[in-house]
Amino acid sequence: MKTITRTRRTAALLLTGALAAVPALALSTADATAGTSRQAAHHGDRVAAIRAATAKYHDIDVALADGYVPVSECVESPEGAMGVHYMNPALAGAPVDLRHPAFLLYLPGRDGMRLVGVEYFKADADQDLATDEDRPSLLGHEFDGPMPGHGPGAPVHYDLHVWTWAHNPDGMFAEFNPALSC
């Protein structure tokens, strides 16, 4: 699915570039660019809302007091790191809410745990890995999945990582962050 999404993005960028080169379509291209700028601004506002809602969690004690609990070791792969997942069980079972992510992502360091991002989570309605008709999206990005649960009793689910507090050279919504390591 990621390959298809990247291919579609590449095709859209190539098509946009080709259209911009045609003078007769300059007005419609300008209109499309204005719409894209408005969309980007709206997207930026929504990311700012996530940051505003989660800024207090730079203090891990506040996250713990609000019901987030560690559920993983520091997750790392050749693609980069995700960090340590802190889950709020009440939010993991609730509808996806931009200002209340089910998971907070922390990276351990010399000065303690550093908040690097958030993760949104949605259990698959039919618990079927074969179909994805109930795939959620947020901020214009489809969640990854469906995927099996990551532990005993964990449901088939979708998730979306948002690197709100650490730059990710692979993009704000990439699953792993190659700039980070455990």
N, C-alpha and C. Protein backbone atom coordinates (compact mmCIF):
# COMPACT_ATOMS: atom_id res chain seq x y z
N MET A 1 0.83 -1.19 0.00
CA MET A 1 0.00 0.00 0.00
C MET A 1 0.87 1.25 0.00
N LYS A 2 1.98 1.25 0.78
CA LYS A 2 2.85 2.41 0.82
C LYS A 2 3.45 2.69 -0.56
N THR A 3 3.81 1.62 -1.28
CA THR A 3 4.38 1.78 -2.61
C THR A 3 3.35 2.41 -3.54
N ILE A 4 2.11 1.97 -3.45
CA ILE A 4 1.05 2.53 -4.29
C ILE A 4 0.85 4.00 -3.96
N THR A 5 0.82 4.34 -2.67
CA THR A 5 0.63 5.73 -2.26
C THR A 5 1.78 6.59 -2.76
N ARG A 6 3.03 6.12 -2.61
CA ARG A 6 4.18 6.89 -3.10
C ARG A 6 4.13 7.04 -4.62
N THR A 7 3.71 5.98 -5.33
CA THR A 7 3.61 6.05 -6.79
C THR A 7 2.56 7.08 -7.18
N ARG A 8 1.43 7.11 -6.49
CA ARG A 8 0.38 8.08 -6.79
C ARG A 8 0.88 9.50 -6.55
N ARG A 9 1.61 9.71 -5.43
CA ARG A 9 2.15 11.03 -5.14
C ARG A 9 3.13 11.46 -6.23
N THR A 10 4.00 10.56 -6.65
CA THR A 10 4.97 10.87 -7.70
C THR A 10 4.25 11.23 -8.99
N ALA A 11 3.24 10.45 -9.35
CA ALA A 11 2.48 10.72 -10.57
C ALA A 11 1.78 12.07 -10.47
N ALA A 12 1.22 12.38 -9.31
CA ALA A 12 0.54 13.67 -9.13
C ALA A 12 1.52 14.82 -9.25
N LEU A 13 2.71 14.68 -8.70
CA LEU A 13 3.72 15.73 -8.81
C LEU A 13 4.17 15.92 -10.25
N LEU A 14 4.38 14.82 -10.98
CA LEU A 14 4.76 14.93 -12.38
C LEU A 14 3.67 15.58 -13.20
N LEU A 15 2.42 15.21 -12.95
CA LEU A 15 1.30 15.79 -13.68
C LEU A 15 1.17 17.27 -13.37
N THR A 16 1.31 17.66 -12.10
CA THR A 16 1.24 19.06 -11.72
C THR A 16 2.32 19.86 -12.42
N GLY A 17 3.55 19.33 -12.47
CA GLY A 17 4.64 20.00 -13.17
C GLY A 17 4.35 20.16 -14.64
N ALA A 18 3.80 19.14 -15.27
CA ALA A 18 3.48 19.20 -16.70
C ALA A 18 2.40 20.24 -16.96
N LEU A 19 1.39 20.30 -16.12
CA LEU A 19 0.31 21.27 -16.30
C LEU A 19 0.80 22.69 -16.10
N ALA A 20 1.70 22.90 -15.17
CA ALA A 20 2.22 24.24 -14.90
C ALA A 20 2.99 24.78 -16.09
N ALA A 21 3.52 23.89 -16.91
CA ALA A 21 4.30 24.31 -18.08
C ALA A 21 3.42 24.74 -19.25
N VAL A 22 2.14 24.48 -19.19
CA VAL A 22 1.23 24.83 -20.28
C VAL A 22 0.59 26.17 -19.98
N PRO A 23 0.92 27.25 -20.75
CA PRO A 23 0.42 28.59 -20.47
C PRO A 23 -1.10 28.68 -20.44
N ALA A 24 -1.80 27.94 -21.30
CA ALA A 24 -3.26 28.04 -21.34
C ALA A 24 -3.90 27.57 -20.06
N LEU A 25 -3.19 26.78 -19.27
CA LEU A 25 -3.75 26.27 -18.02
C LEU A 25 -3.21 27.01 -16.82
N ALA A 26 -2.55 28.14 -17.02
CA ALA A 26 -1.91 28.87 -15.93
C ALA A 26 -2.92 29.27 -14.85
N LEU A 27 -4.10 29.74 -15.25
CA LEU A 27 -5.09 30.17 -14.27
C LEU A 27 -5.57 29.00 -13.43
N SER A 28 -5.90 27.86 -14.06
CA SER A 28 -6.38 26.72 -13.27
C SER A 28 -5.27 26.17 -12.39
N THR A 29 -4.02 26.21 -12.86
CA THR A 29 -2.90 25.76 -12.03
C THR A 29 -2.74 26.67 -10.83
N ALA A 30 -2.89 28.00 -11.05
CA ALA A 30 -2.78 28.95 -9.93
C ALA A 30 -3.89 28.69 -8.92
N ASP A 31 -5.11 28.41 -9.43
CA ASP A 31 -6.22 28.10 -8.52
C ASP A 31 -5.92 26.83 -7.72
N ALA A 32 -5.37 25.82 -8.38
CA ALA A 32 -5.03 24.57 -7.69
C ALA A 32 -3.96 24.82 -6.65
N THR A 33 -2.97 25.66 -6.98
CA THR A 33 -1.90 25.97 -6.03
C THR A 33 -2.46 26.71 -4.83
N ALA A 34 -3.38 27.64 -5.05
CA ALA A 34 -3.99 28.37 -3.94
C ALA A 34 -4.74 27.40 -3.04
N GLY A 35 -5.47 26.44 -3.66
CA GLY A 35 -6.19 25.44 -2.87
C GLY A 35 -5.22 24.59 -2.07
N THR A 36 -4.10 24.21 -2.69
CA THR A 36 -3.09 23.41 -2.00
C THR A 36 -2.49 24.20 -0.85
N SER A 37 -2.26 25.50 -1.04
CA SER A 37 -1.73 26.34 0.03
C SER A 37 -2.70 26.41 1.19
N ARG A 38 -3.99 26.57 0.86
CA ARG A 38 -5.01 26.58 1.94
C ARG A 38 -5.03 25.25 2.67
N GLN A 39 -4.93 24.15 1.91
CA GLN A 39 -4.93 22.82 2.51
C GLN A 39 -3.70 22.65 3.41
N ALA A 40 -2.53 23.09 2.93
CA ALA A 40 -1.30 22.99 3.73
C ALA A 40 -1.42 23.81 5.00
N ALA A 41 -2.01 25.01 4.90
CA ALA A 41 -2.18 25.85 6.09
C ALA A 41 -3.11 25.17 7.08
N HIS A 42 -4.21 24.58 6.58
CA HIS A 42 -5.14 23.86 7.45
C HIS A 42 -4.43 22.67 8.10
N HIS A 43 -3.65 21.94 7.30
CA HIS A 43 -2.86 20.81 7.80
C HIS A 43 -1.91 21.28 8.90
N GLY A 44 -1.23 22.41 8.66
CA GLY A 44 -0.32 22.97 9.66
C GLY A 44 -1.04 23.36 10.94
N ASP A 45 -2.24 23.91 10.80
CA ASP A 45 -3.04 24.27 11.97
C ASP A 45 -3.38 23.03 12.79
N ARG A 46 -3.69 21.94 12.10
CA ARG A 46 -4.07 20.72 12.80
C ARG A 46 -2.86 20.08 13.50
N VAL A 47 -1.69 20.13 12.85
CA VAL A 47 -0.47 19.63 13.50
C VAL A 47 -0.15 20.52 14.71
N ALA A 48 -0.33 21.83 14.57
CA ALA A 48 -0.12 22.73 15.70
C ALA A 48 -1.07 22.39 16.85
N ALA A 49 -2.29 21.96 16.51
CA ALA A 49 -3.25 21.56 17.55
C ALA A 49 -2.77 20.31 18.28
N ILE A 50 -2.17 19.37 17.54
CA ILE A 50 -1.63 18.17 18.18
C ILE A 50 -0.50 18.57 19.13
N ARG A 51 0.38 19.45 18.66
CA ARG A 51 1.50 19.89 19.51
C ARG A 51 0.99 20.61 20.75
N ALA A 52 0.01 21.47 20.58
CA ALA A 52 -0.54 22.19 21.73
C ALA A 52 -1.16 21.22 22.75
N ALA A 53 -1.86 20.21 22.24
CA ALA A 53 -2.52 19.25 23.13
C ALA A 53 -1.54 18.31 23.82
N THR A 54 -0.38 18.07 23.21
CA THR A 54 0.56 17.10 23.77
C THR A 54 1.81 17.73 24.39
N ALA A 55 1.94 19.04 24.33
CA ALA A 55 3.14 19.71 24.88
C ALA A 55 3.36 19.37 26.35
N LYS A 56 2.29 19.22 27.10
CA LYS A 56 2.42 18.92 28.53
C LYS A 56 3.09 17.57 28.76
N TYR A 57 3.08 16.70 27.75
CA TYR A 57 3.65 15.36 27.92
C TYR A 57 5.16 15.31 27.73
N HIS A 58 5.77 16.46 27.53
CA HIS A 58 7.24 16.47 27.58
C HIS A 58 7.68 16.06 28.99
N ASP A 59 6.81 16.31 29.97
CA ASP A 59 7.02 15.83 31.33
C ASP A 59 6.34 14.46 31.42
N ILE A 60 7.13 13.41 31.44
CA ILE A 60 6.58 12.06 31.40
C ILE A 60 5.69 11.76 32.61
N ASP A 61 5.93 12.44 33.73
CA ASP A 61 5.08 12.24 34.90
C ASP A 61 3.65 12.71 34.64
N VAL A 62 3.50 13.73 33.81
CA VAL A 62 2.16 14.20 33.44
C VAL A 62 1.48 13.14 32.56
N ALA A 63 2.22 12.53 31.66
CA ALA A 63 1.66 11.46 30.82
C ALA A 63 1.20 10.30 31.70
N LEU A 64 2.02 9.91 32.64
CA LEU A 64 1.65 8.81 33.55
C LEU A 64 0.41 9.17 34.35
N ALA A 65 0.34 10.40 34.85
CA ALA A 65 -0.82 10.84 35.63
C ALA A 65 -2.10 10.87 34.78
N ASP A 66 -1.94 11.10 33.48
CA ASP A 66 -3.10 11.14 32.58
C ASP A 66 -3.46 9.76 32.02
N GLY A 67 -2.81 8.69 32.52
CA GLY A 67 -3.21 7.34 32.16
C GLY A 67 -2.37 6.66 31.10
N TYR A 68 -1.31 7.29 30.62
CA TYR A 68 -0.41 6.65 29.66
C TYR A 68 0.52 5.71 30.41
N VAL A 69 0.70 4.50 29.89
CA VAL A 69 1.58 3.50 30.51
C VAL A 69 2.52 2.93 29.45
N PRO A 70 3.75 2.61 29.83
CA PRO A 70 4.67 2.04 28.84
C PRO A 70 4.22 0.64 28.44
N VAL A 71 4.21 0.39 27.13
CA VAL A 71 3.77 -0.92 26.63
C VAL A 71 4.79 -1.56 25.70
N SER A 72 5.96 -0.94 25.56
CA SER A 72 6.99 -1.52 24.71
C SER A 72 8.37 -1.10 25.20
N GLU A 73 9.34 -1.86 24.76
CA GLU A 73 10.73 -1.42 24.88
C GLU A 73 10.92 -0.38 23.78
N CYS A 74 12.11 0.14 23.64
CA CYS A 74 12.38 1.08 22.56
C CYS A 74 12.38 0.30 21.24
N VAL A 75 11.45 0.61 20.35
CA VAL A 75 11.28 -0.09 19.08
C VAL A 75 12.21 0.54 18.04
N GLU A 76 13.01 -0.33 17.41
CA GLU A 76 13.99 0.12 16.43
C GLU A 76 14.09 -0.93 15.32
N SER A 77 14.38 -0.46 14.12
CA SER A 77 14.59 -1.36 12.99
C SER A 77 15.68 -0.75 12.11
N PRO A 78 16.07 -1.44 11.06
CA PRO A 78 17.04 -0.83 10.13
C PRO A 78 16.50 0.47 9.50
N GLU A 79 15.18 0.66 9.52
CA GLU A 79 14.57 1.88 8.97
C GLU A 79 14.66 3.06 9.92
N GLY A 80 15.03 2.82 11.20
CA GLY A 80 15.08 3.88 12.20
C GLY A 80 14.39 3.44 13.47
N ALA A 81 13.97 4.40 14.26
CA ALA A 81 13.34 4.08 15.54
C ALA A 81 11.93 4.65 15.60
N MET A 82 11.11 4.02 16.44
CA MET A 82 9.81 4.55 16.83
C MET A 82 9.91 5.10 18.26
N GLY A 83 10.72 4.42 19.07
CA GLY A 83 10.83 4.79 20.47
C GLY A 83 10.02 3.87 21.35
N VAL A 84 9.84 4.31 22.59
CA VAL A 84 9.06 3.57 23.57
C VAL A 84 7.61 4.06 23.47
N HIS A 85 6.69 3.11 23.34
CA HIS A 85 5.27 3.43 23.21
C HIS A 85 4.64 3.51 24.60
N TYR A 86 3.99 4.63 24.88
CA TYR A 86 3.18 4.79 26.08
C TYR A 86 1.74 4.87 25.61
N MET A 87 0.92 3.92 26.06
CA MET A 87 -0.47 3.83 25.61
C MET A 87 -1.42 4.29 26.71
N ASN A 88 -2.47 4.99 26.30
CA ASN A 88 -3.57 5.29 27.19
C ASN A 88 -4.69 4.33 26.81
N PRO A 89 -4.94 3.29 27.63
CA PRO A 89 -5.93 2.26 27.26
C PRO A 89 -7.31 2.83 26.97
N ALA A 90 -7.73 3.86 27.70
CA ALA A 90 -9.05 4.45 27.45
C ALA A 90 -9.11 5.08 26.06
N LEU A 91 -8.01 5.68 25.62
CA LEU A 91 -7.99 6.33 24.30
C LEU A 91 -7.82 5.31 23.18
N ALA A 92 -7.15 4.20 23.46
CA ALA A 92 -6.95 3.17 22.43
C ALA A 92 -8.27 2.54 22.00
N GLY A 93 -9.26 2.54 22.89
CA GLY A 93 -10.57 1.97 22.57
C GLY A 93 -11.59 3.00 22.15
N ALA A 94 -11.20 4.27 22.16
CA ALA A 94 -12.12 5.35 21.82
C ALA A 94 -11.99 5.73 20.35
N PRO A 95 -12.96 6.47 19.82
CA PRO A 95 -12.82 6.97 18.45
C PRO A 95 -11.55 7.83 18.33
N VAL A 96 -10.95 7.84 17.15
CA VAL A 96 -9.74 8.63 16.92
C VAL A 96 -10.07 10.10 17.12
N ASP A 97 -9.25 10.77 17.92
CA ASP A 97 -9.43 12.18 18.24
C ASP A 97 -8.08 12.87 18.07
N LEU A 98 -8.02 13.84 17.19
CA LEU A 98 -6.78 14.54 16.87
C LEU A 98 -6.02 15.01 18.12
N ARG A 99 -6.74 15.52 19.10
CA ARG A 99 -6.10 16.10 20.29
C ARG A 99 -5.82 15.09 21.40
N HIS A 100 -6.21 13.84 21.17
CA HIS A 100 -6.01 12.81 22.20
C HIS A 100 -5.47 11.53 21.57
N PRO A 101 -4.17 11.51 21.23
CA PRO A 101 -3.60 10.30 20.62
C PRO A 101 -3.58 9.15 21.62
N ALA A 102 -3.78 7.95 21.12
CA ALA A 102 -3.78 6.76 21.99
C ALA A 102 -2.38 6.46 22.51
N PHE A 103 -1.35 6.82 21.75
CA PHE A 103 0.03 6.53 22.14
C PHE A 103 0.89 7.78 22.09
N LEU A 104 1.83 7.86 23.00
CA LEU A 104 2.89 8.86 22.97
C LEU A 104 4.19 8.10 22.71
N LEU A 105 5.07 8.67 21.91
CA LEU A 105 6.33 8.02 21.56
C LEU A 105 7.48 8.77 22.23
N TYR A 106 8.24 8.04 23.03
CA TYR A 106 9.38 8.63 23.75
C TYR A 106 10.67 7.95 23.33
N LEU A 107 11.74 8.73 23.35
CA LEU A 107 13.06 8.19 23.07
C LEU A 107 13.89 8.32 24.34
N PRO A 108 14.46 7.20 24.82
CA PRO A 108 15.29 7.28 26.03
C PRO A 108 16.61 7.99 25.73
N GLY A 109 17.07 8.76 26.69
CA GLY A 109 18.34 9.46 26.55
C GLY A 109 18.99 9.70 27.90
N ARG A 110 20.12 10.38 27.87
CA ARG A 110 20.85 10.65 29.13
C ARG A 110 20.02 11.46 30.11
N ASP A 111 19.16 12.34 29.59
CA ASP A 111 18.35 13.21 30.45
C ASP A 111 16.95 12.66 30.68
N GLY A 112 16.74 11.38 30.44
CA GLY A 112 15.43 10.78 30.62
C GLY A 112 14.72 10.58 29.30
N MET A 113 13.42 10.45 29.38
CA MET A 113 12.61 10.18 28.19
C MET A 113 12.24 11.50 27.49
N ARG A 114 12.42 11.52 26.16
CA ARG A 114 12.12 12.71 25.36
C ARG A 114 10.96 12.38 24.43
N LEU A 115 9.91 13.19 24.51
CA LEU A 115 8.74 13.03 23.64
C LEU A 115 9.14 13.35 22.21
N VAL A 116 8.90 12.40 21.28
CA VAL A 116 9.28 12.60 19.88
C VAL A 116 8.09 12.57 18.93
N GLY A 117 6.98 11.98 19.35
CA GLY A 117 5.83 11.90 18.46
C GLY A 117 4.64 11.28 19.13
N VAL A 118 3.61 11.09 18.33
CA VAL A 118 2.37 10.48 18.81
C VAL A 118 1.96 9.40 17.81
N GLU A 119 1.08 8.54 18.26
CA GLU A 119 0.55 7.50 17.38
C GLU A 119 -0.95 7.39 17.61
N TYR A 120 -1.68 7.40 16.51
CA TYR A 120 -3.13 7.19 16.55
C TYR A 120 -3.40 5.73 16.25
N PHE A 121 -4.47 5.20 16.83
CA PHE A 121 -4.74 3.77 16.80
C PHE A 121 -6.22 3.55 16.60
N LYS A 122 -6.55 2.56 15.78
CA LYS A 122 -7.95 2.15 15.60
C LYS A 122 -7.98 0.65 15.38
N ALA A 123 -8.71 -0.06 16.24
CA ALA A 123 -8.89 -1.50 16.06
C ALA A 123 -9.70 -1.74 14.80
N ASP A 124 -9.37 -2.79 14.07
CA ASP A 124 -10.10 -3.16 12.86
C ASP A 124 -11.46 -3.71 13.27
N ALA A 125 -12.51 -3.18 12.68
CA ALA A 125 -13.87 -3.55 13.08
C ALA A 125 -14.15 -5.03 12.94
N ASP A 126 -13.69 -5.65 11.84
CA ASP A 126 -14.00 -7.07 11.64
C ASP A 126 -12.84 -8.00 11.98
N GLN A 127 -11.74 -7.44 12.47
CA GLN A 127 -10.56 -8.22 12.87
C GLN A 127 -10.07 -9.12 11.74
N ASP A 128 -10.15 -8.60 10.50
CA ASP A 128 -9.76 -9.34 9.31
C ASP A 128 -8.56 -8.67 8.66
N LEU A 129 -7.47 -9.41 8.54
CA LEU A 129 -6.26 -8.86 7.92
C LEU A 129 -6.38 -8.76 6.40
N ALA A 130 -7.35 -9.44 5.82
CA ALA A 130 -7.43 -9.52 4.36
C ALA A 130 -8.07 -8.29 3.72
N THR A 131 -8.87 -7.54 4.45
CA THR A 131 -9.55 -6.39 3.86
C THR A 131 -9.21 -5.12 4.62
N ASP A 132 -9.39 -3.99 3.93
CA ASP A 132 -9.09 -2.73 4.59
C ASP A 132 -10.17 -1.67 4.32
N GLU A 133 -11.41 -2.12 4.17
CA GLU A 133 -12.48 -1.18 3.85
C GLU A 133 -12.80 -0.21 4.99
N ASP A 134 -12.35 -0.49 6.19
CA ASP A 134 -12.61 0.43 7.30
C ASP A 134 -11.34 1.17 7.74
N ARG A 135 -10.39 1.31 6.80
CA ARG A 135 -9.13 2.01 7.09
C ARG A 135 -9.43 3.48 7.40
N PRO A 136 -9.00 3.96 8.57
CA PRO A 136 -9.21 5.38 8.90
C PRO A 136 -8.12 6.26 8.26
N SER A 137 -8.37 7.55 8.25
CA SER A 137 -7.36 8.51 7.83
C SER A 137 -7.44 9.72 8.74
N LEU A 138 -6.34 10.43 8.79
CA LEU A 138 -6.24 11.62 9.63
C LEU A 138 -5.24 12.55 8.96
N LEU A 139 -5.53 13.83 8.94
CA LEU A 139 -4.63 14.81 8.34
C LEU A 139 -4.32 14.48 6.88
N GLY A 140 -5.29 13.85 6.20
CA GLY A 140 -5.12 13.50 4.80
C GLY A 140 -4.24 12.29 4.56
N HIS A 141 -3.92 11.54 5.60
CA HIS A 141 -3.08 10.35 5.46
C HIS A 141 -3.81 9.12 5.97
N GLU A 142 -3.79 8.08 5.16
CA GLU A 142 -4.38 6.81 5.59
C GLU A 142 -3.51 6.17 6.65
N PHE A 143 -4.14 5.50 7.60
CA PHE A 143 -3.41 4.76 8.62
C PHE A 143 -2.73 3.56 7.97
N ASP A 144 -1.63 3.09 8.57
CA ASP A 144 -0.98 1.85 8.16
C ASP A 144 -1.83 0.69 8.67
N GLY A 145 -1.85 -0.42 7.93
CA GLY A 145 -2.59 -1.60 8.35
C GLY A 145 -3.54 -2.06 7.26
N PRO A 146 -4.38 -3.03 7.60
CA PRO A 146 -4.50 -3.65 8.91
C PRO A 146 -3.29 -4.53 9.21
N MET A 147 -2.97 -4.60 10.49
CA MET A 147 -1.84 -5.40 10.94
C MET A 147 -2.23 -6.16 12.19
N PRO A 148 -1.57 -7.31 12.41
CA PRO A 148 -1.89 -8.06 13.62
C PRO A 148 -1.47 -7.28 14.86
N GLY A 149 -2.08 -7.63 15.98
CA GLY A 149 -1.69 -7.02 17.24
C GLY A 149 -0.23 -7.30 17.54
N HIS A 150 0.40 -6.42 18.29
CA HIS A 150 1.83 -6.55 18.57
C HIS A 150 2.12 -7.33 19.86
N GLY A 151 1.11 -7.93 20.44
CA GLY A 151 1.30 -8.71 21.65
C GLY A 151 0.10 -9.60 21.87
N PRO A 152 0.19 -10.49 22.86
CA PRO A 152 -0.94 -11.40 23.14
C PRO A 152 -2.22 -10.62 23.43
N GLY A 153 -3.29 -10.99 22.75
CA GLY A 153 -4.59 -10.36 22.98
C GLY A 153 -4.76 -9.01 22.30
N ALA A 154 -3.72 -8.48 21.67
CA ALA A 154 -3.84 -7.19 20.99
C ALA A 154 -4.59 -7.38 19.67
N PRO A 155 -5.47 -6.46 19.33
CA PRO A 155 -6.32 -6.65 18.15
C PRO A 155 -5.61 -6.33 16.83
N VAL A 156 -6.19 -6.86 15.76
CA VAL A 156 -5.83 -6.41 14.42
C VAL A 156 -6.19 -4.92 14.40
N HIS A 157 -5.30 -4.10 13.85
CA HIS A 157 -5.53 -2.66 13.97
C HIS A 157 -4.87 -1.88 12.84
N TYR A 158 -5.15 -0.58 12.86
CA TYR A 158 -4.51 0.41 12.00
C TYR A 158 -3.82 1.41 12.93
N ASP A 159 -2.71 1.99 12.45
CA ASP A 159 -2.10 3.05 13.24
C ASP A 159 -1.45 4.09 12.34
N LEU A 160 -1.25 5.27 12.89
CA LEU A 160 -0.62 6.36 12.16
C LEU A 160 0.33 7.08 13.11
N HIS A 161 1.61 7.08 12.74
CA HIS A 161 2.62 7.80 13.51
C HIS A 161 2.69 9.24 13.01
N VAL A 162 2.81 10.18 13.93
CA VAL A 162 2.96 11.59 13.58
C VAL A 162 4.15 12.11 14.38
N TRP A 163 5.21 12.48 13.66
CA TRP A 163 6.46 12.92 14.30
C TRP A 163 6.36 14.40 14.61
N THR A 164 5.58 14.72 15.64
CA THR A 164 5.29 16.10 16.00
C THR A 164 6.43 16.78 16.75
N TRP A 165 7.28 16.01 17.39
CA TRP A 165 8.32 16.60 18.24
C TRP A 165 9.73 16.24 17.81
N ALA A 166 9.89 15.53 16.71
CA ALA A 166 11.22 15.19 16.18
C ALA A 166 11.12 15.18 14.66
N HIS A 167 12.00 15.88 14.00
CA HIS A 167 11.99 15.89 12.53
C HIS A 167 12.25 14.48 12.01
N ASN A 168 11.49 14.10 11.01
CA ASN A 168 11.69 12.81 10.35
C ASN A 168 12.00 13.07 8.88
N PRO A 169 13.23 12.76 8.44
CA PRO A 169 13.57 13.00 7.04
C PRO A 169 12.73 12.19 6.06
N ASP A 170 12.08 11.12 6.52
CA ASP A 170 11.21 10.33 5.65
C ASP A 170 9.78 10.86 5.62
N GLY A 171 9.51 11.91 6.39
CA GLY A 171 8.19 12.52 6.40
C GLY A 171 7.52 12.42 7.76
N MET A 172 6.66 13.37 8.02
CA MET A 172 6.00 13.46 9.31
C MET A 172 5.17 12.23 9.66
N PHE A 173 4.71 11.48 8.64
CA PHE A 173 3.81 10.35 8.88
C PHE A 173 4.46 8.99 8.62
N ALA A 174 5.76 8.96 8.46
CA ALA A 174 6.46 7.69 8.23
C ALA A 174 6.39 6.83 9.50
N GLU A 175 6.40 5.55 9.31
CA GLU A 175 6.29 4.63 10.45
C GLU A 175 7.53 4.71 11.36
N PHE A 176 8.72 4.69 10.76
CA PHE A 176 9.97 4.77 11.52
C PHE A 176 10.65 6.09 11.22
N ASN A 177 11.49 6.54 12.15
CA ASN A 177 12.24 7.77 11.98
C ASN A 177 13.72 7.46 11.88
N PRO A 178 14.33 7.56 10.69
CA PRO A 178 15.73 7.21 10.52
C PRO A 178 16.69 8.17 11.23
N ALA A 179 16.20 9.31 11.68
CA ALA A 179 17.06 10.24 12.41
C ALA A 179 17.20 9.87 13.88
N LEU A 180 16.43 8.88 14.32
CA LEU A 180 16.44 8.47 15.73
C LEU A 180 16.96 7.05 15.89
N SER A 181 17.52 6.77 17.05
CA SER A 181 17.93 5.41 17.39
C SER A 181 17.78 5.21 18.89
N CYS A 182 17.59 3.97 19.25
CA CYS A 182 17.42 3.63 20.66
C CYS A 182 18.79 3.57 21.34
